[in-house]
Amino acid sequence: MGELIDALTVAGKAALGFQAIFFALLAIGINVQFGYAGLLNFGQIAFAMLGGFGIAISVSKWGLPFWVGVLVGVLAAVVLALLLGLPTLRLRADYLAIATIATAEGLRLLFRSVSATPVTNGTRGLSAFNGDFIALAPWDTARRYRFLGTSWSGAELWVALVGWVLVALACLLVWALVRSPWGRVLKSIREDEDAVRALGKNVYVYKMQALVLGGVVGAFGGMIYAVGTGSAVPDQYQNANTFLAYAALILGGAARVLGPVVGAMLLLFILQFADTLLRALIDNGVIPSELLSSTDVAQIRFVLVGLGLILLLVFRPQGIFGDRREVMLDAR
């Protein structure tokens, strides 16, 4: 029983921490692109990397203020979305998918390369760039605080507070947009872009706007991740994170404003709960080490999440809060 309570406590903190915020913002951006517009963006992590490194490089290498670094990260995400969208959005969805996943991996390899080391520090990455941000906290960031039965540092609480405010603002923006004429056109493009084009709407422009907006939201996710860890390392931004964000979106429900947020919290809760509980059971001899070792837990927890997603797709493909009609789309 003690192991179960400890696992629930640690998992609860993970569901509220900066990693949950990171995946929530990635998934919100994907929701705009895929859930509402039908765009297959498999390189969302590239926008997050530009957001995180936008701050890290601006502060550590160029000596610019933190908030200027935020603007640099946003502008970099906009430029990347335009570069990706201009040649691909007039084509089928699979071209955008191929271009985005290749770009994300290419950028990661570029940022960790020897030639980029003077700017990005290569595989070592950048650190010590979030001091100005942490200093804005209205409480003592060196102290430990008790919150919902868990222990948080003042810096962790500040990052989580700002992050969840960003998530709330992003959700509010999405809620307002999808109920506007712009959002109705976007959902119509997802269903049948030929019909929308026949009505005189510029489908290409609407798709580009959705790609840019989703990319900027993803960039803010990368910023939260960077200030939360206090570092920006290229290998932190693996393509696997994009697919975990898709898992969060599917779990919560696509084309739903709160679906990505709930999905991200549940995903981090399940991953951390499984990790903590399995390790505790192994350490206490409940699970024999011959059957499962501590080094295997990191992979087993993803297997459990995968099995859960398979069952979810079989019995409730629209996700927890989703609508079955929203996921029966023809992505173009």
C-alpha atoms as a PDB file:
ATOM      1  CA  MET A   1       0.000   0.000   0.000  1.00  0.00           C
ATOM      2  CA  GLY A   2       2.853   2.367   0.794  1.00  0.00           C
ATOM      3  CA  GLU A   3       4.379   1.821  -2.650  1.00  0.00           C
ATOM      4  CA  LEU A   4       1.035   2.595  -4.267  1.00  0.00           C
ATOM      5  CA  ILE A   5       0.597   5.844  -2.352  1.00  0.00           C
ATOM      6  CA  ASP A   6       4.151   6.941  -3.138  1.00  0.00           C
ATOM      7  CA  ALA A   7       3.637   6.157  -6.823  1.00  0.00           C
ATOM      8  CA  LEU A   8       0.388   8.138  -6.891  1.00  0.00           C
ATOM      9  CA  THR A   9       2.064  11.103  -5.206  1.00  0.00           C
ATOM     10  CA  VAL A  10       5.023  11.185  -7.594  1.00  0.00           C
ATOM     11  CA  ALA A  11       2.756  10.669 -10.611  1.00  0.00           C
ATOM     12  CA  GLY A  12       0.497  13.489  -9.460  1.00  0.00           C
ATOM     13  CA  LYS A  13       3.463  15.860  -9.360  1.00  0.00           C
ATOM     14  CA  ALA A  14       4.522  14.735 -12.849  1.00  0.00           C
ATOM     15  CA  ALA A  15       1.020  15.426 -14.175  1.00  0.00           C
ATOM     16  CA  LEU A  16       1.304  19.028 -12.982  1.00  0.00           C
ATOM     17  CA  GLY A  17       4.975  19.661 -13.750  1.00  0.00           C
ATOM     18  CA  PHE A  18       6.709  21.334 -16.646  1.00  0.00           C
ATOM     19  CA  GLN A  19       6.948  18.141 -18.717  1.00  0.00           C
ATOM     20  CA  ALA A  20       3.153  17.832 -18.726  1.00  0.00           C
ATOM     21  CA  ILE A  21       2.973  21.485 -19.772  1.00  0.00           C
ATOM     22  CA  PHE A  22       5.499  20.793 -22.518  1.00  0.00           C
ATOM     23  CA  PHE A  23       3.438  17.958 -23.992  1.00  0.00           C
ATOM     24  CA  ALA A  24       0.184  19.875 -23.493  1.00  0.00           C
ATOM     25  CA  LEU A  25       1.447  22.815 -25.567  1.00  0.00           C
ATOM     26  CA  LEU A  26       2.861  20.497 -28.243  1.00  0.00           C
ATOM     27  CA  ALA A  27      -0.483  18.684 -28.407  1.00  0.00           C
ATOM     28  CA  ILE A  28      -2.493  21.928 -28.507  1.00  0.00           C
ATOM     29  CA  GLY A  29      -0.451  23.021 -31.519  1.00  0.00           C
ATOM     30  CA  ILE A  30      -0.962  19.644 -33.196  1.00  0.00           C
ATOM     31  CA  ASN A  31      -4.667  19.880 -32.399  1.00  0.00           C
ATOM     32  CA  VAL A  32      -4.903  23.124 -34.376  1.00  0.00           C
ATOM     33  CA  GLN A  33      -3.039  21.589 -37.289  1.00  0.00           C
ATOM     34  CA  PHE A  34      -4.365  18.028 -37.314  1.00  0.00           C
ATOM     35  CA  GLY A  35      -7.513  18.086 -35.207  1.00  0.00           C
ATOM     36  CA  TYR A  36      -9.076  21.123 -36.859  1.00  0.00           C
ATOM     37  CA  ALA A  37      -7.281  21.539 -40.204  1.00  0.00           C
ATOM     38  CA  GLY A  38      -6.345  17.935 -41.039  1.00  0.00           C
ATOM     39  CA  LEU A  39      -2.632  18.719 -41.465  1.00  0.00           C
ATOM     40  CA  LEU A  40      -0.186  15.895 -40.705  1.00  0.00           C
ATOM     41  CA  ASN A  41       2.689  17.594 -38.919  1.00  0.00           C
ATOM     42  CA  PHE A  42       5.139  14.944 -37.688  1.00  0.00           C
ATOM     43  CA  GLY A  43       7.834  17.482 -36.828  1.00  0.00           C
ATOM     44  CA  GLN A  44       6.232  19.498 -34.037  1.00  0.00           C
ATOM     45  CA  ILE A  45       9.317  18.975 -31.897  1.00  0.00           C
ATOM     46  CA  ALA A  46      11.300  21.112 -34.364  1.00  0.00           C
ATOM     47  CA  PHE A  47       9.196  24.148 -33.390  1.00  0.00           C
ATOM     48  CA  ALA A  48       9.777  23.342 -29.715  1.00  0.00           C
ATOM     49  CA  MET A  49      13.517  23.120 -30.313  1.00  0.00           C
ATOM     50  CA  LEU A  50      13.574  26.504 -32.005  1.00  0.00           C
ATOM     51  CA  GLY A  51      11.620  27.986 -29.111  1.00  0.00           C
ATOM     52  CA  GLY A  52      13.973  26.564 -26.486  1.00  0.00           C
ATOM     53  CA  PHE A  53      17.162  27.396 -28.355  1.00  0.00           C
ATOM     54  CA  GLY A  54      15.772  30.804 -29.307  1.00  0.00           C
ATOM     55  CA  ILE A  55      15.921  31.748 -25.636  1.00  0.00           C
ATOM     56  CA  ALA A  56      19.114  29.831 -24.858  1.00  0.00           C
ATOM     57  CA  ILE A  57      21.164  31.262 -27.717  1.00  0.00           C
ATOM     58  CA  SER A  58      19.820  34.803 -27.317  1.00  0.00           C
ATOM     59  CA  VAL A  59      20.672  34.941 -23.615  1.00  0.00           C
ATOM     60  CA  SER A  60      23.799  32.762 -23.383  1.00  0.00           C
ATOM     61  CA  LYS A  61      25.530  33.638 -26.636  1.00  0.00           C
ATOM     62  CA  TRP A  62      24.193  37.018 -27.697  1.00  0.00           C
ATOM     63  CA  GLY A  63      23.677  38.577 -24.260  1.00  0.00           C
ATOM     64  CA  LEU A  64      20.115  39.655 -25.044  1.00  0.00           C
ATOM     65  CA  PRO A  65      17.329  39.999 -22.449  1.00  0.00           C
ATOM     66  CA  PHE A  66      15.213  36.938 -21.750  1.00  0.00           C
ATOM     67  CA  TRP A  67      12.065  38.394 -23.312  1.00  0.00           C
ATOM     68  CA  VAL A  68      13.935  39.198 -26.511  1.00  0.00           C
ATOM     69  CA  GLY A  69      14.870  35.519 -26.614  1.00  0.00           C
ATOM     70  CA  VAL A  70      11.162  34.651 -26.416  1.00  0.00           C
ATOM     71  CA  LEU A  71      10.517  36.820 -29.472  1.00  0.00           C
ATOM     72  CA  VAL A  72      13.448  35.217 -31.290  1.00  0.00           C
ATOM     73  CA  GLY A  73      12.009  31.767 -30.599  1.00  0.00           C
ATOM     74  CA  VAL A  74       8.550  32.792 -31.837  1.00  0.00           C
ATOM     75  CA  LEU A  75       9.934  34.380 -35.007  1.00  0.00           C
ATOM     76  CA  ALA A  76      12.070  31.307 -35.691  1.00  0.00           C
ATOM     77  CA  ALA A  77       8.968  29.094 -35.398  1.00  0.00           C
ATOM     78  CA  VAL A  78       7.036  31.335 -37.801  1.00  0.00           C
ATOM     79  CA  VAL A  79       9.865  31.233 -40.337  1.00  0.00           C
ATOM     80  CA  LEU A  80      10.116  27.442 -40.098  1.00  0.00           C
ATOM     81  CA  ALA A  81       6.359  27.057 -40.598  1.00  0.00           C
ATOM     82  CA  LEU A  82       6.493  29.257 -43.685  1.00  0.00           C
ATOM     83  CA  LEU A  83       9.462  27.371 -45.111  1.00  0.00           C
ATOM     84  CA  LEU A  84       7.709  24.052 -44.564  1.00  0.00           C
ATOM     85  CA  GLY A  85       4.304  25.177 -45.740  1.00  0.00           C
ATOM     86  CA  LEU A  86       5.192  27.060 -48.901  1.00  0.00           C
ATOM     87  CA  PRO A  87       6.296  24.012 -50.937  1.00  0.00           C
ATOM     88  CA  THR A  88       4.059  21.352 -49.335  1.00  0.00           C
ATOM     89  CA  LEU A  89       0.626  22.699 -48.440  1.00  0.00           C
ATOM     90  CA  ARG A  90      -0.568  22.644 -52.042  1.00  0.00           C
ATOM     91  CA  LEU A  91       0.240  18.907 -52.162  1.00  0.00           C
ATOM     92  CA  ARG A  92      -1.199  15.859 -50.407  1.00  0.00           C
ATOM     93  CA  ALA A  93      -0.920  15.491 -46.632  1.00  0.00           C
ATOM     94  CA  ASP A  94       1.815  12.873 -46.775  1.00  0.00           C
ATOM     95  CA  TYR A  95       4.243  15.368 -48.342  1.00  0.00           C
ATOM     96  CA  LEU A  96       3.864  17.672 -45.336  1.00  0.00           C
ATOM     97  CA  ALA A  97       4.313  14.706 -42.989  1.00  0.00           C
ATOM     98  CA  ILE A  98       7.531  13.631 -44.715  1.00  0.00           C
ATOM     99  CA  ALA A  99       8.888  17.180 -44.857  1.00  0.00           C
ATOM    100  CA  THR A 100       8.185  17.921 -41.190  1.00  0.00           C
ATOM    101  CA  ILE A 101       9.643  14.737 -39.713  1.00  0.00           C
ATOM    102  CA  ALA A 102      12.746  15.050 -41.908  1.00  0.00           C
ATOM    103  CA  THR A 103      13.181  18.714 -40.980  1.00  0.00           C
ATOM    104  CA  ALA A 104      12.864  17.986 -37.265  1.00  0.00           C
ATOM    105  CA  GLU A 105      15.550  15.318 -37.373  1.00  0.00           C
ATOM    106  CA  GLY A 106      17.731  17.415 -39.668  1.00  0.00           C
ATOM    107  CA  LEU A 107      17.576  20.408 -37.329  1.00  0.00           C
ATOM    108  CA  ARG A 108      18.461  18.243 -34.335  1.00  0.00           C
ATOM    109  CA  LEU A 109      21.495  16.841 -36.141  1.00  0.00           C
ATOM    110  CA  LEU A 110      22.474  20.327 -37.282  1.00  0.00           C
ATOM    111  CA  PHE A 111      22.255  21.784 -33.772  1.00  0.00           C
ATOM    112  CA  ARG A 112      24.424  18.981 -32.332  1.00  0.00           C
ATOM    113  CA  SER A 113      26.981  19.078 -35.165  1.00  0.00           C
ATOM    114  CA  VAL A 114      30.550  20.305 -34.858  1.00  0.00           C
ATOM    115  CA  SER A 115      29.904  23.204 -37.217  1.00  0.00           C
ATOM    116  CA  ALA A 116      27.120  24.524 -34.951  1.00  0.00           C
ATOM    117  CA  THR A 117      29.127  24.158 -31.730  1.00  0.00           C
ATOM    118  CA  PRO A 118      30.106  27.872 -31.535  1.00  0.00           C
ATOM    119  CA  VAL A 119      26.394  28.739 -31.373  1.00  0.00           C
ATOM    120  CA  THR A 120      24.677  25.739 -29.749  1.00  0.00           C
ATOM    121  CA  ASN A 121      27.585  24.107 -27.858  1.00  0.00           C
ATOM    122  CA  GLY A 122      26.925  20.949 -29.853  1.00  0.00           C
ATOM    123  CA  THR A 123      25.984  17.870 -27.849  1.00  0.00           C
ATOM    124  CA  ARG A 124      26.661  19.658 -24.549  1.00  0.00           C
ATOM    125  CA  GLY A 125      24.001  22.263 -25.200  1.00  0.00           C
ATOM    126  CA  LEU A 126      23.487  25.562 -23.394  1.00  0.00           C
ATOM    127  CA  SER A 127      22.654  26.335 -19.774  1.00  0.00           C
ATOM    128  CA  ALA A 128      22.416  29.197 -17.259  1.00  0.00           C
ATOM    129  CA  PHE A 129      20.001  31.246 -19.368  1.00  0.00           C
ATOM    130  CA  ASN A 130      16.839  31.124 -17.227  1.00  0.00           C
ATOM    131  CA  GLY A 131      18.089  33.189 -14.290  1.00  0.00           C
ATOM    132  CA  ASP A 132      16.169  36.348 -15.258  1.00  0.00           C
ATOM    133  CA  PHE A 133      12.984  34.338 -15.633  1.00  0.00           C
ATOM    134  CA  ILE A 134      13.332  32.563 -12.273  1.00  0.00           C
ATOM    135  CA  ALA A 135      14.152  35.891 -10.607  1.00  0.00           C
ATOM    136  CA  LEU A 136      10.673  37.158 -11.496  1.00  0.00           C
ATOM    137  CA  ALA A 137       9.054  34.679  -9.104  1.00  0.00           C
ATOM    138  CA  PRO A 138       7.159  36.481  -6.308  1.00  0.00           C
ATOM    139  CA  TRP A 139       8.425  33.976  -3.709  1.00  0.00           C
ATOM    140  CA  ASP A 140      11.736  32.546  -2.542  1.00  0.00           C
ATOM    141  CA  THR A 141      12.846  30.150  -5.289  1.00  0.00           C
ATOM    142  CA  ALA A 142      15.470  28.534  -3.058  1.00  0.00           C
ATOM    143  CA  ARG A 143      12.887  27.224  -0.582  1.00  0.00           C
ATOM    144  CA  ARG A 144      10.939  23.976  -0.742  1.00  0.00           C
ATOM    145  CA  TYR A 145       7.139  24.144  -0.660  1.00  0.00           C
ATOM    146  CA  ARG A 146       4.486  21.512  -0.025  1.00  0.00           C
ATOM    147  CA  PHE A 147       1.773  21.420  -2.668  1.00  0.00           C
ATOM    148  CA  LEU A 148      -0.878  18.701  -2.954  1.00  0.00           C
ATOM    149  CA  GLY A 149       1.192  16.387  -0.804  1.00  0.00           C
ATOM    150  CA  THR A 150       4.369  16.775  -2.864  1.00  0.00           C
ATOM    151  CA  SER A 151       7.544  18.800  -2.413  1.00  0.00           C
ATOM    152  CA  TRP A 152       8.335  21.532  -4.950  1.00  0.00           C
ATOM    153  CA  SER A 153      11.165  24.011  -5.149  1.00  0.00           C
ATOM    154  CA  GLY A 154      10.210  27.638  -5.572  1.00  0.00           C
ATOM    155  CA  ALA A 155      11.629  27.601  -9.110  1.00  0.00           C
ATOM    156  CA  GLU A 156       9.575  24.524 -10.045  1.00  0.00           C
ATOM    157  CA  LEU A 157       6.394  26.188  -8.791  1.00  0.00           C
ATOM    158  CA  TRP A 158       7.137  29.345 -10.756  1.00  0.00           C
ATOM    159  CA  VAL A 159       7.776  27.470 -14.009  1.00  0.00           C
ATOM    160  CA  ALA A 160       4.620  25.394 -13.472  1.00  0.00           C
ATOM    161  CA  LEU A 161       2.501  28.469 -12.717  1.00  0.00           C
ATOM    162  CA  VAL A 162       3.653  30.373 -15.806  1.00  0.00           C
ATOM    163  CA  GLY A 163       3.379  27.220 -17.914  1.00  0.00           C
ATOM    164  CA  TRP A 164      -0.205  26.466 -16.927  1.00  0.00           C
ATOM    165  CA  VAL A 165      -1.134  30.106 -17.522  1.00  0.00           C
ATOM    166  CA  LEU A 166       0.270  29.708 -21.048  1.00  0.00           C
ATOM    167  CA  VAL A 167      -1.738  26.501 -21.486  1.00  0.00           C
ATOM    168  CA  ALA A 168      -4.899  28.280 -20.326  1.00  0.00           C
ATOM    169  CA  LEU A 169      -4.290  31.189 -22.704  1.00  0.00           C
ATOM    170  CA  ALA A 170      -3.612  28.792 -25.598  1.00  0.00           C
ATOM    171  CA  CYS A 171      -6.829  26.897 -24.869  1.00  0.00           C
ATOM    172  CA  LEU A 172      -8.780  30.158 -24.658  1.00  0.00           C
ATOM    173  CA  LEU A 173      -7.338  31.275 -27.988  1.00  0.00           C
ATOM    174  CA  VAL A 174      -8.198  27.959 -29.651  1.00  0.00           C
ATOM    175  CA  TRP A 175     -11.696  28.044 -28.156  1.00  0.00           C
ATOM    176  CA  ALA A 176     -12.295  31.531 -29.559  1.00  0.00           C
ATOM    177  CA  LEU A 177     -10.820  30.739 -32.984  1.00  0.00           C
ATOM    178  CA  VAL A 178     -12.705  27.489 -33.629  1.00  0.00           C
ATOM    179  CA  ARG A 179     -15.981  29.257 -32.893  1.00  0.00           C
ATOM    180  CA  SER A 180     -15.185  32.094 -35.256  1.00  0.00           C
ATOM    181  CA  PRO A 181     -15.735  32.104 -39.035  1.00  0.00           C
ATOM    182  CA  TRP A 182     -12.036  31.300 -39.408  1.00  0.00           C
ATOM    183  CA  GLY A 183     -12.406  28.155 -37.316  1.00  0.00           C
ATOM    184  CA  ARG A 184     -15.486  27.026 -39.204  1.00  0.00           C
ATOM    185  CA  VAL A 185     -13.620  27.362 -42.491  1.00  0.00           C
ATOM    186  CA  LEU A 186     -10.699  25.425 -41.026  1.00  0.00           C
ATOM    187  CA  LYS A 187     -12.915  22.517 -39.999  1.00  0.00           C
ATOM    188  CA  SER A 188     -14.561  22.590 -43.405  1.00  0.00           C
ATOM    189  CA  ILE A 189     -11.138  22.254 -45.026  1.00  0.00           C
ATOM    190  CA  ARG A 190     -10.510  19.210 -42.881  1.00  0.00           C
ATOM    191  CA  GLU A 191     -13.717  17.620 -44.117  1.00  0.00           C
ATOM    192  CA  ASP A 192     -13.601  18.577 -47.811  1.00  0.00           C
ATOM    193  CA  GLU A 193     -11.168  21.178 -49.026  1.00  0.00           C
ATOM    194  CA  ASP A 194     -12.443  20.968 -52.597  1.00  0.00           C
ATOM    195  CA  ALA A 195     -15.868  22.125 -51.480  1.00  0.00           C
ATOM    196  CA  VAL A 196     -14.313  24.990 -49.505  1.00  0.00           C
ATOM    197  CA  ARG A 197     -12.257  25.980 -52.527  1.00  0.00           C
ATOM    198  CA  ALA A 198     -15.394  25.939 -54.678  1.00  0.00           C
ATOM    199  CA  LEU A 199     -16.958  28.464 -52.296  1.00  0.00           C
ATOM    200  CA  GLY A 200     -14.138  30.914 -53.029  1.00  0.00           C
ATOM    201  CA  LYS A 201     -12.002  30.425 -49.916  1.00  0.00           C
ATOM    202  CA  ASN A 202      -8.222  30.404 -50.197  1.00  0.00           C
ATOM    203  CA  VAL A 203      -7.538  26.959 -48.718  1.00  0.00           C
ATOM    204  CA  TYR A 204      -3.767  27.388 -48.982  1.00  0.00           C
ATOM    205  CA  VAL A 205      -3.775  30.517 -46.805  1.00  0.00           C
ATOM    206  CA  TYR A 206      -5.957  28.933 -44.138  1.00  0.00           C
ATOM    207  CA  LYS A 207      -3.691  25.879 -43.988  1.00  0.00           C
ATOM    208  CA  MET A 208      -0.625  28.094 -43.695  1.00  0.00           C
ATOM    209  CA  GLN A 209      -2.210  30.057 -40.862  1.00  0.00           C
ATOM    210  CA  ALA A 210      -3.021  26.834 -38.990  1.00  0.00           C
ATOM    211  CA  LEU A 211       0.528  25.539 -39.485  1.00  0.00           C
ATOM    212  CA  VAL A 212       2.038  28.794 -38.207  1.00  0.00           C
ATOM    213  CA  LEU A 213      -0.294  29.038 -35.212  1.00  0.00           C
ATOM    214  CA  GLY A 214       0.294  25.425 -34.179  1.00  0.00           C
ATOM    215  CA  GLY A 215       4.040  25.851 -34.608  1.00  0.00           C
ATOM    216  CA  VAL A 216       4.131  28.961 -32.401  1.00  0.00           C
ATOM    217  CA  VAL A 217       2.212  27.149 -29.643  1.00  0.00           C
ATOM    218  CA  GLY A 218       4.712  24.295 -29.921  1.00  0.00           C
ATOM    219  CA  ALA A 219       7.573  26.797 -29.649  1.00  0.00           C
ATOM    220  CA  PHE A 220       6.187  28.021 -26.331  1.00  0.00           C
ATOM    221  CA  GLY A 221       6.190  24.407 -25.192  1.00  0.00           C
ATOM    222  CA  GLY A 222       9.882  24.210 -26.013  1.00  0.00           C
ATOM    223  CA  MET A 223      10.518  27.392 -24.044  1.00  0.00           C
ATOM    224  CA  ILE A 224       8.814  25.987 -20.953  1.00  0.00           C
ATOM    225  CA  TYR A 225      10.853  22.804 -21.283  1.00  0.00           C
ATOM    226  CA  ALA A 226      14.080  24.800 -21.607  1.00  0.00           C
ATOM    227  CA  VAL A 227      13.465  27.014 -18.572  1.00  0.00           C
ATOM    228  CA  GLY A 228      12.171  24.009 -16.600  1.00  0.00           C
ATOM    229  CA  THR A 229      15.326  21.976 -17.148  1.00  0.00           C
ATOM    230  CA  GLY A 230      17.608  25.001 -17.152  1.00  0.00           C
ATOM    231  CA  SER A 231      19.316  23.702 -20.276  1.00  0.00           C
ATOM    232  CA  ALA A 232      18.854  23.363 -24.022  1.00  0.00           C
ATOM    233  CA  VAL A 233      20.441  20.209 -25.448  1.00  0.00           C
ATOM    234  CA  PRO A 234      19.648  19.077 -29.027  1.00  0.00           C
ATOM    235  CA  ASP A 235      19.133  15.463 -28.007  1.00  0.00           C
ATOM    236  CA  GLN A 236      16.335  16.538 -25.645  1.00  0.00           C
ATOM    237  CA  TYR A 237      14.244  17.275 -28.739  1.00  0.00           C
ATOM    238  CA  GLN A 238      13.882  13.821 -30.247  1.00  0.00           C
ATOM    239  CA  ASN A 239      11.186  13.035 -32.814  1.00  0.00           C
ATOM    240  CA  ALA A 240       9.706  10.588 -30.309  1.00  0.00           C
ATOM    241  CA  ASN A 241       8.361  13.596 -28.391  1.00  0.00           C
ATOM    242  CA  THR A 242       6.169  14.515 -31.346  1.00  0.00           C
ATOM    243  CA  PHE A 243       4.561  11.088 -31.284  1.00  0.00           C
ATOM    244  CA  LEU A 244       4.109  11.266 -27.508  1.00  0.00           C
ATOM    245  CA  ALA A 245       2.279  14.558 -28.105  1.00  0.00           C
ATOM    246  CA  TYR A 246       0.090  12.780 -30.657  1.00  0.00           C
ATOM    247  CA  ALA A 247      -0.534  10.092 -28.027  1.00  0.00           C
ATOM    248  CA  ALA A 248      -1.658  12.794 -25.590  1.00  0.00           C
ATOM    249  CA  LEU A 249      -3.944  14.269 -28.242  1.00  0.00           C
ATOM    250  CA  ILE A 250      -5.475  10.889 -29.068  1.00  0.00           C
ATOM    251  CA  LEU A 251      -5.848  10.070 -25.382  1.00  0.00           C
ATOM    252  CA  GLY A 252      -7.706  13.286 -24.584  1.00  0.00           C
ATOM    253  CA  GLY A 253      -9.593  13.608 -27.845  1.00  0.00           C
ATOM    254  CA  ALA A 254      -8.742  15.420 -31.078  1.00  0.00           C
ATOM    255  CA  ALA A 255     -10.642  18.562 -32.109  1.00  0.00           C
ATOM    256  CA  ARG A 256     -11.531  19.268 -28.486  1.00  0.00           C
ATOM    257  CA  VAL A 257     -10.150  22.340 -26.731  1.00  0.00           C
ATOM    258  CA  LEU A 258      -9.261  20.583 -23.470  1.00  0.00           C
ATOM    259  CA  GLY A 259      -8.497  17.198 -25.017  1.00  0.00           C
ATOM    260  CA  PRO A 260      -4.742  17.817 -25.456  1.00  0.00           C
ATOM    261  CA  VAL A 261      -4.394  19.171 -21.910  1.00  0.00           C
ATOM    262  CA  VAL A 262      -6.164  16.287 -20.201  1.00  0.00           C
ATOM    263  CA  GLY A 263      -4.368  13.823 -22.462  1.00  0.00           C
ATOM    264  CA  ALA A 264      -0.942  15.261 -21.605  1.00  0.00           C
ATOM    265  CA  MET A 265      -1.659  15.159 -17.869  1.00  0.00           C
ATOM    266  CA  LEU A 266      -2.898  11.565 -18.082  1.00  0.00           C
ATOM    267  CA  LEU A 267       0.063  10.514 -20.221  1.00  0.00           C
ATOM    268  CA  LEU A 268       2.625  11.893 -17.760  1.00  0.00           C
ATOM    269  CA  PHE A 269       0.652  10.496 -14.833  1.00  0.00           C
ATOM    270  CA  ILE A 270       0.566   6.997 -16.326  1.00  0.00           C
ATOM    271  CA  LEU A 271       4.235   7.031 -17.330  1.00  0.00           C
ATOM    272  CA  GLN A 272       5.458   8.232 -13.943  1.00  0.00           C
ATOM    273  CA  PHE A 273       3.043   6.028 -11.986  1.00  0.00           C
ATOM    274  CA  ALA A 274       4.142   2.913 -13.860  1.00  0.00           C
ATOM    275  CA  ASP A 275       7.830   3.828 -13.479  1.00  0.00           C
ATOM    276  CA  THR A 276       7.665   4.546  -9.737  1.00  0.00           C
ATOM    277  CA  LEU A 277       5.426   1.614  -8.851  1.00  0.00           C
ATOM    278  CA  LEU A 278       7.361  -0.974 -10.858  1.00  0.00           C
ATOM    279  CA  ARG A 279      10.701   0.157  -9.417  1.00  0.00           C
ATOM    280  CA  ALA A 280       9.307   0.010  -5.885  1.00  0.00           C
ATOM    281  CA  LEU A 281       7.899  -3.479  -6.443  1.00  0.00           C
ATOM    282  CA  ILE A 282      11.240  -4.672  -7.834  1.00  0.00           C
ATOM    283  CA  ASP A 283      13.212  -3.141  -4.950  1.00  0.00           C
ATOM    284  CA  ASN A 284      10.910  -4.799  -2.400  1.00  0.00           C
ATOM    285  CA  GLY A 285      11.111  -8.188  -4.092  1.00  0.00           C
ATOM    286  CA  VAL A 286       7.436  -8.302  -5.075  1.00  0.00           C
ATOM    287  CA  ILE A 287       8.511  -8.598  -8.712  1.00  0.00           C
ATOM    288  CA  PRO A 288      11.523 -10.947  -9.046  1.00  0.00           C
ATOM    289  CA  SER A 289      14.563  -9.258 -10.561  1.00  0.00           C
ATOM    290  CA  GLU A 290      14.947 -12.251 -12.862  1.00  0.00           C
ATOM    291  CA  LEU A 291      11.559 -11.447 -14.372  1.00  0.00           C
ATOM    292  CA  LEU A 292      11.964  -7.677 -14.587  1.00  0.00           C
ATOM    293  CA  SER A 293      14.974  -5.524 -13.758  1.00  0.00           C
ATOM    294  CA  SER A 294      15.050  -1.826 -12.925  1.00  0.00           C
ATOM    295  CA  THR A 295      16.764  -1.062 -16.218  1.00  0.00           C
ATOM    296  CA  ASP A 296      13.810  -2.555 -18.086  1.00  0.00           C
ATOM    297  CA  VAL A 297      11.229  -0.322 -16.419  1.00  0.00           C
ATOM    298  CA  ALA A 298      11.884   2.663 -18.694  1.00  0.00           C
ATOM    299  CA  GLN A 299      10.870   0.590 -21.727  1.00  0.00           C
ATOM    300  CA  ILE A 300       8.075  -1.390 -20.056  1.00  0.00           C
ATOM    301  CA  ARG A 301       6.161   1.756 -19.113  1.00  0.00           C
ATOM    302  CA  PHE A 302       5.951   2.755 -22.774  1.00  0.00           C
ATOM    303  CA  VAL A 303       4.752  -0.737 -23.617  1.00  0.00           C
ATOM    304  CA  LEU A 304       1.958  -0.309 -21.064  1.00  0.00           C
ATOM    305  CA  VAL A 305       1.019   3.073 -22.529  1.00  0.00           C
ATOM    306  CA  GLY A 306       1.004   1.538 -26.008  1.00  0.00           C
ATOM    307  CA  LEU A 307      -1.315  -1.252 -24.896  1.00  0.00           C
ATOM    308  CA  GLY A 308      -3.601   1.317 -23.289  1.00  0.00           C
ATOM    309  CA  LEU A 309      -3.721   3.362 -26.490  1.00  0.00           C
ATOM    310  CA  ILE A 310      -4.521   0.254 -28.535  1.00  0.00           C
ATOM    311  CA  LEU A 311      -7.457  -0.528 -26.255  1.00  0.00           C
ATOM    312  CA  LEU A 312      -8.573   3.096 -26.399  1.00  0.00           C
ATOM    313  CA  LEU A 313      -8.495   3.124 -30.204  1.00  0.00           C
ATOM    314  CA  VAL A 314     -10.479  -0.115 -30.297  1.00  0.00           C
ATOM    315  CA  PHE A 315     -13.210   0.832 -27.842  1.00  0.00           C
ATOM    316  CA  ARG A 316     -13.200   4.646 -27.970  1.00  0.00           C
ATOM    317  CA  PRO A 317     -11.225   5.922 -30.995  1.00  0.00           C
ATOM    318  CA  GLN A 318     -12.358   9.502 -30.430  1.00  0.00           C
ATOM    319  CA  GLY A 319     -10.479   9.675 -27.113  1.00  0.00           C
ATOM    320  CA  ILE A 320     -11.819  10.456 -23.667  1.00  0.00           C
ATOM    321  CA  PHE A 321     -13.538  13.737 -24.534  1.00  0.00           C
ATOM    322  CA  GLY A 322     -13.574  13.452 -28.318  1.00  0.00           C
ATOM    323  CA  ASP A 323     -16.442  13.089 -30.762  1.00  0.00           C
ATOM    324  CA  ARG A 324     -16.355  10.123 -33.147  1.00  0.00           C
ATOM    325  CA  ARG A 325     -17.447  12.400 -35.988  1.00  0.00           C
ATOM    326  CA  GLU A 326     -14.410  14.606 -35.452  1.00  0.00           C
ATOM    327  CA  VAL A 327     -11.896  11.800 -36.059  1.00  0.00           C
ATOM    328  CA  MET A 328     -13.551  10.409 -39.179  1.00  0.00           C
ATOM    329  CA  LEU A 329     -11.765  12.822 -41.485  1.00  0.00           C
ATOM    330  CA  ASP A 330      -9.944  12.683 -44.766  1.00  0.00           C
ATOM    331  CA  ALA A 331      -6.629  14.465 -44.113  1.00  0.00           C
ATOM    332  CA  ARG A 332      -5.472  16.145 -47.296  1.00  0.00           C
END
